[in-house]
């Protein structure tokens, strides 16, 4: 299934006052896609309000729990696609839940992926932006930028526009780097009730989100210095 069709680069990652950055092939510090979106988002204020309401201890616990589940699920899917048989789940309730969520994605999502070009691949545009994509391959018979998501509850499409912007940014970088023509993205999401949902963005919507991403990228570069 994994073809290693393209030679993906390894980029160094760093942290600065704005968030995660990468060092591109010419030695420039360039923002990650998530750093661009996070710094232009109003979600931070909502998160701050939530943290103030529940307290730091509870907020840290909830965030760590979500991160731990997401990390285990992503690694399990990566191992599965690499034909690696290894138990990476912790021996507790979180590990058990992560295993069930992984199995759900294996059964209902991965069956639609017929070829994998790369997993956890670094993509960038020189002096502009970079990021790490979960998966690039053939989904439902079409070249696709694929992202795996875990959630407490399945999200509505209008709530996850940043996911679409992120994947469009990755796909556009891939197209420039490797002369591909990826115009489809797939967000494959599972929640803690083991409900699976796929969000597929095709040509016209892909163009729409790409245009929004380009405007946000320009705004970021015009607004911040590092």
C-alpha atoms as a PDB file:
ATOM      1  CA  UNK A   1       0.000   0.000   0.000  1.00  0.00           C
ATOM      2  CA  UNK A   2       2.838   2.413   0.797  1.00  0.00           C
ATOM      3  CA  UNK A   3       4.631   3.280  -2.424  1.00  0.00           C
ATOM      4  CA  UNK A   4       7.129   5.978  -1.352  1.00  0.00           C
ATOM      5  CA  UNK A   5       6.267   7.644  -4.647  1.00  0.00           C
ATOM      6  CA  UNK A   6       7.817  10.967  -3.618  1.00  0.00           C
ATOM      7  CA  UNK A   7      10.945  11.870  -1.698  1.00  0.00           C
ATOM      8  CA  UNK A   8       9.707  14.006   1.154  1.00  0.00           C
ATOM      9  CA  UNK A   9      12.165  16.300   2.965  1.00  0.00           C
ATOM     10  CA  UNK A  10      12.997  16.275   6.658  1.00  0.00           C
ATOM     11  CA  UNK A  11      12.648  19.755   8.104  1.00  0.00           C
ATOM     12  CA  UNK A  12      13.853  20.972  11.481  1.00  0.00           C
ATOM     13  CA  UNK A  13      11.137  22.312  13.774  1.00  0.00           C
ATOM     14  CA  UNK A  14      11.600  25.120  16.295  1.00  0.00           C
ATOM     15  CA  UNK A  15       9.427  27.107  18.709  1.00  0.00           C
ATOM     16  CA  UNK A  16       9.350  30.883  19.010  1.00  0.00           C
ATOM     17  CA  UNK A  17       7.015  33.485  20.498  1.00  0.00           C
ATOM     18  CA  UNK A  18       4.427  32.907  17.782  1.00  0.00           C
ATOM     19  CA  UNK A  19       4.410  29.110  17.872  1.00  0.00           C
ATOM     20  CA  UNK A  20       5.894  26.309  15.810  1.00  0.00           C
ATOM     21  CA  UNK A  21       8.161  27.181  12.915  1.00  0.00           C
ATOM     22  CA  UNK A  22      10.187  25.129  10.444  1.00  0.00           C
ATOM     23  CA  UNK A  23      13.533  25.736   8.791  1.00  0.00           C
ATOM     24  CA  UNK A  24      13.066  25.497   5.024  1.00  0.00           C
ATOM     25  CA  UNK A  25      15.597  24.305   2.452  1.00  0.00           C
ATOM     26  CA  UNK A  26      17.134  27.782   2.223  1.00  0.00           C
ATOM     27  CA  UNK A  27      17.502  28.224   5.980  1.00  0.00           C
ATOM     28  CA  UNK A  28      14.488  30.501   6.426  1.00  0.00           C
ATOM     29  CA  UNK A  29      12.328  30.287   9.544  1.00  0.00           C
ATOM     30  CA  UNK A  30       8.796  29.791   8.236  1.00  0.00           C
ATOM     31  CA  UNK A  31       5.567  29.382  10.232  1.00  0.00           C
ATOM     32  CA  UNK A  32       3.669  26.139  10.439  1.00  0.00           C
ATOM     33  CA  UNK A  33       0.192  26.173   8.953  1.00  0.00           C
ATOM     34  CA  UNK A  34      -1.309  25.762  12.433  1.00  0.00           C
ATOM     35  CA  UNK A  35       0.749  28.710  13.712  1.00  0.00           C
ATOM     36  CA  UNK A  36      -0.660  30.918  10.954  1.00  0.00           C
ATOM     37  CA  UNK A  37      -4.226  29.852  11.687  1.00  0.00           C
ATOM     38  CA  UNK A  38      -3.885  29.987  15.487  1.00  0.00           C
ATOM     39  CA  UNK A  39      -2.487  33.522  15.470  1.00  0.00           C
ATOM     40  CA  UNK A  40      -5.337  34.769  13.301  1.00  0.00           C
ATOM     41  CA  UNK A  41      -8.091  32.933  15.165  1.00  0.00           C
ATOM     42  CA  UNK A  42     -10.483  34.118  17.845  1.00  0.00           C
ATOM     43  CA  UNK A  43     -10.580  30.600  19.300  1.00  0.00           C
ATOM     44  CA  UNK A  44      -7.775  31.459  21.712  1.00  0.00           C
ATOM     45  CA  UNK A  45     -10.038  33.821  23.632  1.00  0.00           C
ATOM     46  CA  UNK A  46     -12.700  31.106  23.855  1.00  0.00           C
ATOM     47  CA  UNK A  47     -10.126  28.640  25.171  1.00  0.00           C
ATOM     48  CA  UNK A  48      -8.925  31.185  27.707  1.00  0.00           C
ATOM     49  CA  UNK A  49     -12.494  31.714  28.895  1.00  0.00           C
ATOM     50  CA  UNK A  50     -13.005  27.961  29.221  1.00  0.00           C
ATOM     51  CA  UNK A  51      -9.737  27.590  31.157  1.00  0.00           C
ATOM     52  CA  UNK A  52     -10.736  30.386  33.519  1.00  0.00           C
ATOM     53  CA  UNK A  53     -14.096  28.724  34.070  1.00  0.00           C
ATOM     54  CA  UNK A  54     -12.856  25.173  34.810  1.00  0.00           C
ATOM     55  CA  UNK A  55      -9.452  26.047  36.289  1.00  0.00           C
ATOM     56  CA  UNK A  56      -5.926  25.216  35.162  1.00  0.00           C
ATOM     57  CA  UNK A  57      -5.792  21.742  36.711  1.00  0.00           C
ATOM     58  CA  UNK A  58      -8.971  20.511  35.021  1.00  0.00           C
ATOM     59  CA  UNK A  59      -8.105  22.237  31.733  1.00  0.00           C
ATOM     60  CA  UNK A  60      -4.651  20.617  31.683  1.00  0.00           C
ATOM     61  CA  UNK A  61      -6.180  17.211  32.456  1.00  0.00           C
ATOM     62  CA  UNK A  62      -8.741  17.457  29.648  1.00  0.00           C
ATOM     63  CA  UNK A  63      -6.172  18.662  27.123  1.00  0.00           C
ATOM     64  CA  UNK A  64      -3.653  15.971  28.067  1.00  0.00           C
ATOM     65  CA  UNK A  65      -6.342  13.306  27.811  1.00  0.00           C
ATOM     66  CA  UNK A  66      -7.291  14.454  24.310  1.00  0.00           C
ATOM     67  CA  UNK A  67      -3.637  14.676  23.255  1.00  0.00           C
ATOM     68  CA  UNK A  68      -2.828  11.204  24.601  1.00  0.00           C
ATOM     69  CA  UNK A  69      -5.776   9.628  22.782  1.00  0.00           C
ATOM     70  CA  UNK A  70      -4.948  11.432  19.539  1.00  0.00           C
ATOM     71  CA  UNK A  71      -1.287  10.432  19.713  1.00  0.00           C
ATOM     72  CA  UNK A  72      -2.100   6.763  20.264  1.00  0.00           C
ATOM     73  CA  UNK A  73      -4.697   6.673  17.482  1.00  0.00           C
ATOM     74  CA  UNK A  74      -2.385   8.369  14.980  1.00  0.00           C
ATOM     75  CA  UNK A  75       0.498   6.037  15.794  1.00  0.00           C
ATOM     76  CA  UNK A  76      -1.748   2.977  15.581  1.00  0.00           C
ATOM     77  CA  UNK A  77      -2.983   4.010  12.126  1.00  0.00           C
ATOM     78  CA  UNK A  78       0.547   4.782  10.977  1.00  0.00           C
ATOM     79  CA  UNK A  79       1.755   1.376  12.171  1.00  0.00           C
ATOM     80  CA  UNK A  80      -1.179  -0.350  10.500  1.00  0.00           C
ATOM     81  CA  UNK A  81      -0.509   1.336   7.160  1.00  0.00           C
ATOM     82  CA  UNK A  82       3.183   0.462   7.517  1.00  0.00           C
ATOM     83  CA  UNK A  83       2.233  -3.180   8.268  1.00  0.00           C
ATOM     84  CA  UNK A  84       3.808  -2.913  11.728  1.00  0.00           C
ATOM     85  CA  UNK A  85       2.149  -5.147  14.322  1.00  0.00           C
ATOM     86  CA  UNK A  86       2.884  -3.423  17.613  1.00  0.00           C
ATOM     87  CA  UNK A  87       0.726  -2.700  20.641  1.00  0.00           C
ATOM     88  CA  UNK A  88       1.265   0.977  21.469  1.00  0.00           C
ATOM     89  CA  UNK A  89      -1.765   1.482  23.717  1.00  0.00           C
ATOM     90  CA  UNK A  90      -1.435   2.233  27.410  1.00  0.00           C
ATOM     91  CA  UNK A  91      -2.898  -0.330  29.810  1.00  0.00           C
ATOM     92  CA  UNK A  92      -5.700   1.860  31.139  1.00  0.00           C
ATOM     93  CA  UNK A  93      -9.115   3.227  30.172  1.00  0.00           C
ATOM     94  CA  UNK A  94      -7.629   5.836  27.815  1.00  0.00           C
ATOM     95  CA  UNK A  95      -5.548   3.219  26.029  1.00  0.00           C
ATOM     96  CA  UNK A  96      -8.591   0.964  25.705  1.00  0.00           C
ATOM     97  CA  UNK A  97     -10.661   3.812  24.266  1.00  0.00           C
ATOM     98  CA  UNK A  98      -7.889   4.798  21.848  1.00  0.00           C
ATOM     99  CA  UNK A  99      -7.674   1.196  20.629  1.00  0.00           C
ATOM    100  CA  UNK A 100     -11.412   1.074  19.945  1.00  0.00           C
ATOM    101  CA  UNK A 101     -11.266   4.400  18.100  1.00  0.00           C
ATOM    102  CA  UNK A 102      -8.299   3.162  16.047  1.00  0.00           C
ATOM    103  CA  UNK A 103     -10.111  -0.058  15.168  1.00  0.00           C
ATOM    104  CA  UNK A 104     -13.118   1.968  14.031  1.00  0.00           C
ATOM    105  CA  UNK A 105     -10.977   4.033  11.666  1.00  0.00           C
ATOM    106  CA  UNK A 106      -9.180   0.938  10.381  1.00  0.00           C
ATOM    107  CA  UNK A 107     -12.488  -0.728   9.595  1.00  0.00           C
ATOM    108  CA  UNK A 108     -14.391   2.198   8.094  1.00  0.00           C
ATOM    109  CA  UNK A 109     -11.827   4.772   6.940  1.00  0.00           C
ATOM    110  CA  UNK A 110      -8.626   3.030   5.902  1.00  0.00           C
ATOM    111  CA  UNK A 111     -10.522   0.695   3.563  1.00  0.00           C
ATOM    112  CA  UNK A 112     -11.067   3.701   1.278  1.00  0.00           C
ATOM    113  CA  UNK A 113      -7.305   4.319   1.002  1.00  0.00           C
ATOM    114  CA  UNK A 114      -5.836   2.204  -1.814  1.00  0.00           C
ATOM    115  CA  UNK A 115      -2.356   3.723  -1.952  1.00  0.00           C
ATOM    116  CA  UNK A 116      -0.200   5.751   0.425  1.00  0.00           C
ATOM    117  CA  UNK A 117       2.507   8.073  -0.892  1.00  0.00           C
ATOM    118  CA  UNK A 118       3.710   9.067   2.558  1.00  0.00           C
ATOM    119  CA  UNK A 119       2.805   9.348   6.246  1.00  0.00           C
ATOM    120  CA  UNK A 120       3.686  12.223   8.581  1.00  0.00           C
ATOM    121  CA  UNK A 121       5.367  14.018   5.685  1.00  0.00           C
ATOM    122  CA  UNK A 122       6.907  17.492   5.783  1.00  0.00           C
ATOM    123  CA  UNK A 123       5.590  19.878   3.147  1.00  0.00           C
ATOM    124  CA  UNK A 124       6.593  23.489   2.598  1.00  0.00           C
ATOM    125  CA  UNK A 125       6.754  26.479   0.302  1.00  0.00           C
ATOM    126  CA  UNK A 126      10.063  28.314   0.532  1.00  0.00           C
ATOM    127  CA  UNK A 127       9.949  31.392   2.769  1.00  0.00           C
ATOM    128  CA  UNK A 128       6.176  31.044   3.195  1.00  0.00           C
ATOM    129  CA  UNK A 129       4.944  28.148   5.349  1.00  0.00           C
ATOM    130  CA  UNK A 130       5.379  24.479   6.209  1.00  0.00           C
ATOM    131  CA  UNK A 131       3.635  21.656   8.004  1.00  0.00           C
ATOM    132  CA  UNK A 132       3.360  17.934   8.619  1.00  0.00           C
ATOM    133  CA  UNK A 133       0.577  16.070   6.822  1.00  0.00           C
ATOM    134  CA  UNK A 134      -0.854  12.876   8.293  1.00  0.00           C
ATOM    135  CA  UNK A 135      -1.176  11.069   4.972  1.00  0.00           C
ATOM    136  CA  UNK A 136      -0.992  11.640   1.228  1.00  0.00           C
ATOM    137  CA  UNK A 137      -2.359   8.985  -1.090  1.00  0.00           C
ATOM    138  CA  UNK A 138      -5.271   7.646  -3.093  1.00  0.00           C
ATOM    139  CA  UNK A 139      -8.640   7.970  -1.334  1.00  0.00           C
ATOM    140  CA  UNK A 140     -11.798   6.842  -3.139  1.00  0.00           C
ATOM    141  CA  UNK A 141      -9.708   6.520  -6.299  1.00  0.00           C
ATOM    142  CA  UNK A 142      -8.369  10.091  -6.257  1.00  0.00           C
ATOM    143  CA  UNK A 143      -5.115  11.709  -5.103  1.00  0.00           C
ATOM    144  CA  UNK A 144      -5.973  13.166  -1.718  1.00  0.00           C
ATOM    145  CA  UNK A 145      -4.493  14.971   1.260  1.00  0.00           C
ATOM    146  CA  UNK A 146      -5.782  12.929   4.221  1.00  0.00           C
ATOM    147  CA  UNK A 147      -6.047  13.945   7.869  1.00  0.00           C
ATOM    148  CA  UNK A 148      -7.038  11.715  10.794  1.00  0.00           C
ATOM    149  CA  UNK A 149      -8.937  13.392  13.616  1.00  0.00           C
ATOM    150  CA  UNK A 150     -10.126  12.258  17.039  1.00  0.00           C
ATOM    151  CA  UNK A 151     -12.833  14.163  18.868  1.00  0.00           C
ATOM    152  CA  UNK A 152     -14.932  13.934  21.988  1.00  0.00           C
ATOM    153  CA  UNK A 153     -17.984  14.331  19.758  1.00  0.00           C
ATOM    154  CA  UNK A 154     -18.271  14.423  15.976  1.00  0.00           C
ATOM    155  CA  UNK A 155     -18.046  18.041  14.876  1.00  0.00           C
ATOM    156  CA  UNK A 156     -20.296  19.774  12.405  1.00  0.00           C
ATOM    157  CA  UNK A 157     -18.748  20.766   9.095  1.00  0.00           C
ATOM    158  CA  UNK A 158     -19.133  24.494   9.739  1.00  0.00           C
ATOM    159  CA  UNK A 159     -17.058  24.159  12.917  1.00  0.00           C
ATOM    160  CA  UNK A 160     -13.968  22.721  11.257  1.00  0.00           C
ATOM    161  CA  UNK A 161     -13.070  25.193   8.533  1.00  0.00           C
ATOM    162  CA  UNK A 162      -9.532  25.417   9.950  1.00  0.00           C
ATOM    163  CA  UNK A 163      -9.086  21.696   9.231  1.00  0.00           C
ATOM    164  CA  UNK A 164      -9.981  22.332   5.592  1.00  0.00           C
ATOM    165  CA  UNK A 165      -7.694  25.359   5.370  1.00  0.00           C
ATOM    166  CA  UNK A 166      -4.823  23.373   6.896  1.00  0.00           C
ATOM    167  CA  UNK A 167      -5.178  20.498   4.450  1.00  0.00           C
ATOM    168  CA  UNK A 168      -5.588  22.806   1.456  1.00  0.00           C
ATOM    169  CA  UNK A 169      -2.342  24.512   2.482  1.00  0.00           C
ATOM    170  CA  UNK A 170      -0.586  21.140   2.607  1.00  0.00           C
ATOM    171  CA  UNK A 171      -2.055  20.042  -0.713  1.00  0.00           C
ATOM    172  CA  UNK A 172      -0.981  23.254  -2.454  1.00  0.00           C
ATOM    173  CA  UNK A 173       2.551  22.860  -1.112  1.00  0.00           C
ATOM    174  CA  UNK A 174       2.595  19.249  -2.348  1.00  0.00           C
ATOM    175  CA  UNK A 175       1.432  20.362  -5.788  1.00  0.00           C
ATOM    176  CA  UNK A 176       4.282  22.866  -6.072  1.00  0.00           C
ATOM    177  CA  UNK A 177       6.934  20.548  -4.621  1.00  0.00           C
ATOM    178  CA  UNK A 178       6.087  17.493  -6.710  1.00  0.00           C
ATOM    179  CA  UNK A 179       4.110  18.856  -9.675  1.00  0.00           C
ATOM    180  CA  UNK A 180       0.979  17.030  -8.546  1.00  0.00           C
ATOM    181  CA  UNK A 181      -2.599  18.176  -8.981  1.00  0.00           C
ATOM    182  CA  UNK A 182      -4.204  17.312  -5.660  1.00  0.00           C
ATOM    183  CA  UNK A 183      -7.590  19.006  -5.371  1.00  0.00           C
ATOM    184  CA  UNK A 184      -9.271  16.765  -2.834  1.00  0.00           C
ATOM    185  CA  UNK A 185      -8.895  16.555   0.928  1.00  0.00           C
ATOM    186  CA  UNK A 186     -10.432  14.080   3.358  1.00  0.00           C
ATOM    187  CA  UNK A 187     -10.883  14.611   7.093  1.00  0.00           C
ATOM    188  CA  UNK A 188     -11.497  11.202   8.671  1.00  0.00           C
ATOM    189  CA  UNK A 189     -12.909  11.678  12.163  1.00  0.00           C
ATOM    190  CA  UNK A 190     -13.876   9.313  14.974  1.00  0.00           C
ATOM    191  CA  UNK A 191     -15.340  10.293  18.323  1.00  0.00           C
ATOM    192  CA  UNK A 192     -15.370   8.656  21.756  1.00  0.00           C
ATOM    193  CA  UNK A 193     -18.781   7.105  21.049  1.00  0.00           C
ATOM    194  CA  UNK A 194     -17.081   5.327  18.125  1.00  0.00           C
ATOM    195  CA  UNK A 195     -19.012   7.275  15.522  1.00  0.00           C
ATOM    196  CA  UNK A 196     -17.065   7.734  12.282  1.00  0.00           C
ATOM    197  CA  UNK A 197     -17.584  10.563   9.803  1.00  0.00           C
ATOM    198  CA  UNK A 198     -15.660  11.580   6.720  1.00  0.00           C
ATOM    199  CA  UNK A 199     -15.565  15.122   5.399  1.00  0.00           C
ATOM    200  CA  UNK A 200     -14.442  15.235   1.763  1.00  0.00           C
ATOM    201  CA  UNK A 201     -13.649  18.546   0.077  1.00  0.00           C
ATOM    202  CA  UNK A 202     -13.511  18.433  -3.722  1.00  0.00           C
ATOM    203  CA  UNK A 203     -12.585  20.787  -6.564  1.00  0.00           C
ATOM    204  CA  UNK A 204     -14.846  23.833  -6.128  1.00  0.00           C
ATOM    205  CA  UNK A 205     -14.682  23.813  -2.333  1.00  0.00           C
ATOM    206  CA  UNK A 206     -10.966  23.115  -2.515  1.00  0.00           C
ATOM    207  CA  UNK A 207     -10.503  26.292  -4.561  1.00  0.00           C
ATOM    208  CA  UNK A 208     -12.681  28.222  -2.103  1.00  0.00           C
ATOM    209  CA  UNK A 209     -10.643  27.163   0.936  1.00  0.00           C
ATOM    210  CA  UNK A 210      -7.362  27.633  -0.934  1.00  0.00           C
ATOM    211  CA  UNK A 211      -8.272  31.259  -1.625  1.00  0.00           C
ATOM    212  CA  UNK A 212      -9.131  31.827   2.039  1.00  0.00           C
ATOM    213  CA  UNK A 213      -5.835  30.235   3.079  1.00  0.00           C
ATOM    214  CA  UNK A 214      -3.838  32.494   0.742  1.00  0.00           C
ATOM    215  CA  UNK A 215      -5.483  35.586   2.234  1.00  0.00           C
ATOM    216  CA  UNK A 216      -4.757  34.411   5.781  1.00  0.00           C
ATOM    217  CA  UNK A 217      -1.144  33.618   4.907  1.00  0.00           C
ATOM    218  CA  UNK A 218      -0.672  37.108   3.442  1.00  0.00           C
ATOM    219  CA  UNK A 219      -2.308  38.653   6.512  1.00  0.00           C
ATOM    220  CA  UNK A 220       0.001  36.693   8.818  1.00  0.00           C
ATOM    221  CA  UNK A 221       3.165  37.725   6.982  1.00  0.00           C
ATOM    222  CA  UNK A 222       2.008  41.349   6.953  1.00  0.00           C
ATOM    223  CA  UNK A 223       1.035  41.354  10.636  1.00  0.00           C
ATOM    224  CA  UNK A 224       3.806  39.479  12.453  1.00  0.00           C
ATOM    225  CA  UNK A 225       7.586  39.689  12.658  1.00  0.00           C
ATOM    226  CA  UNK A 226       9.941  37.031  13.977  1.00  0.00           C
END
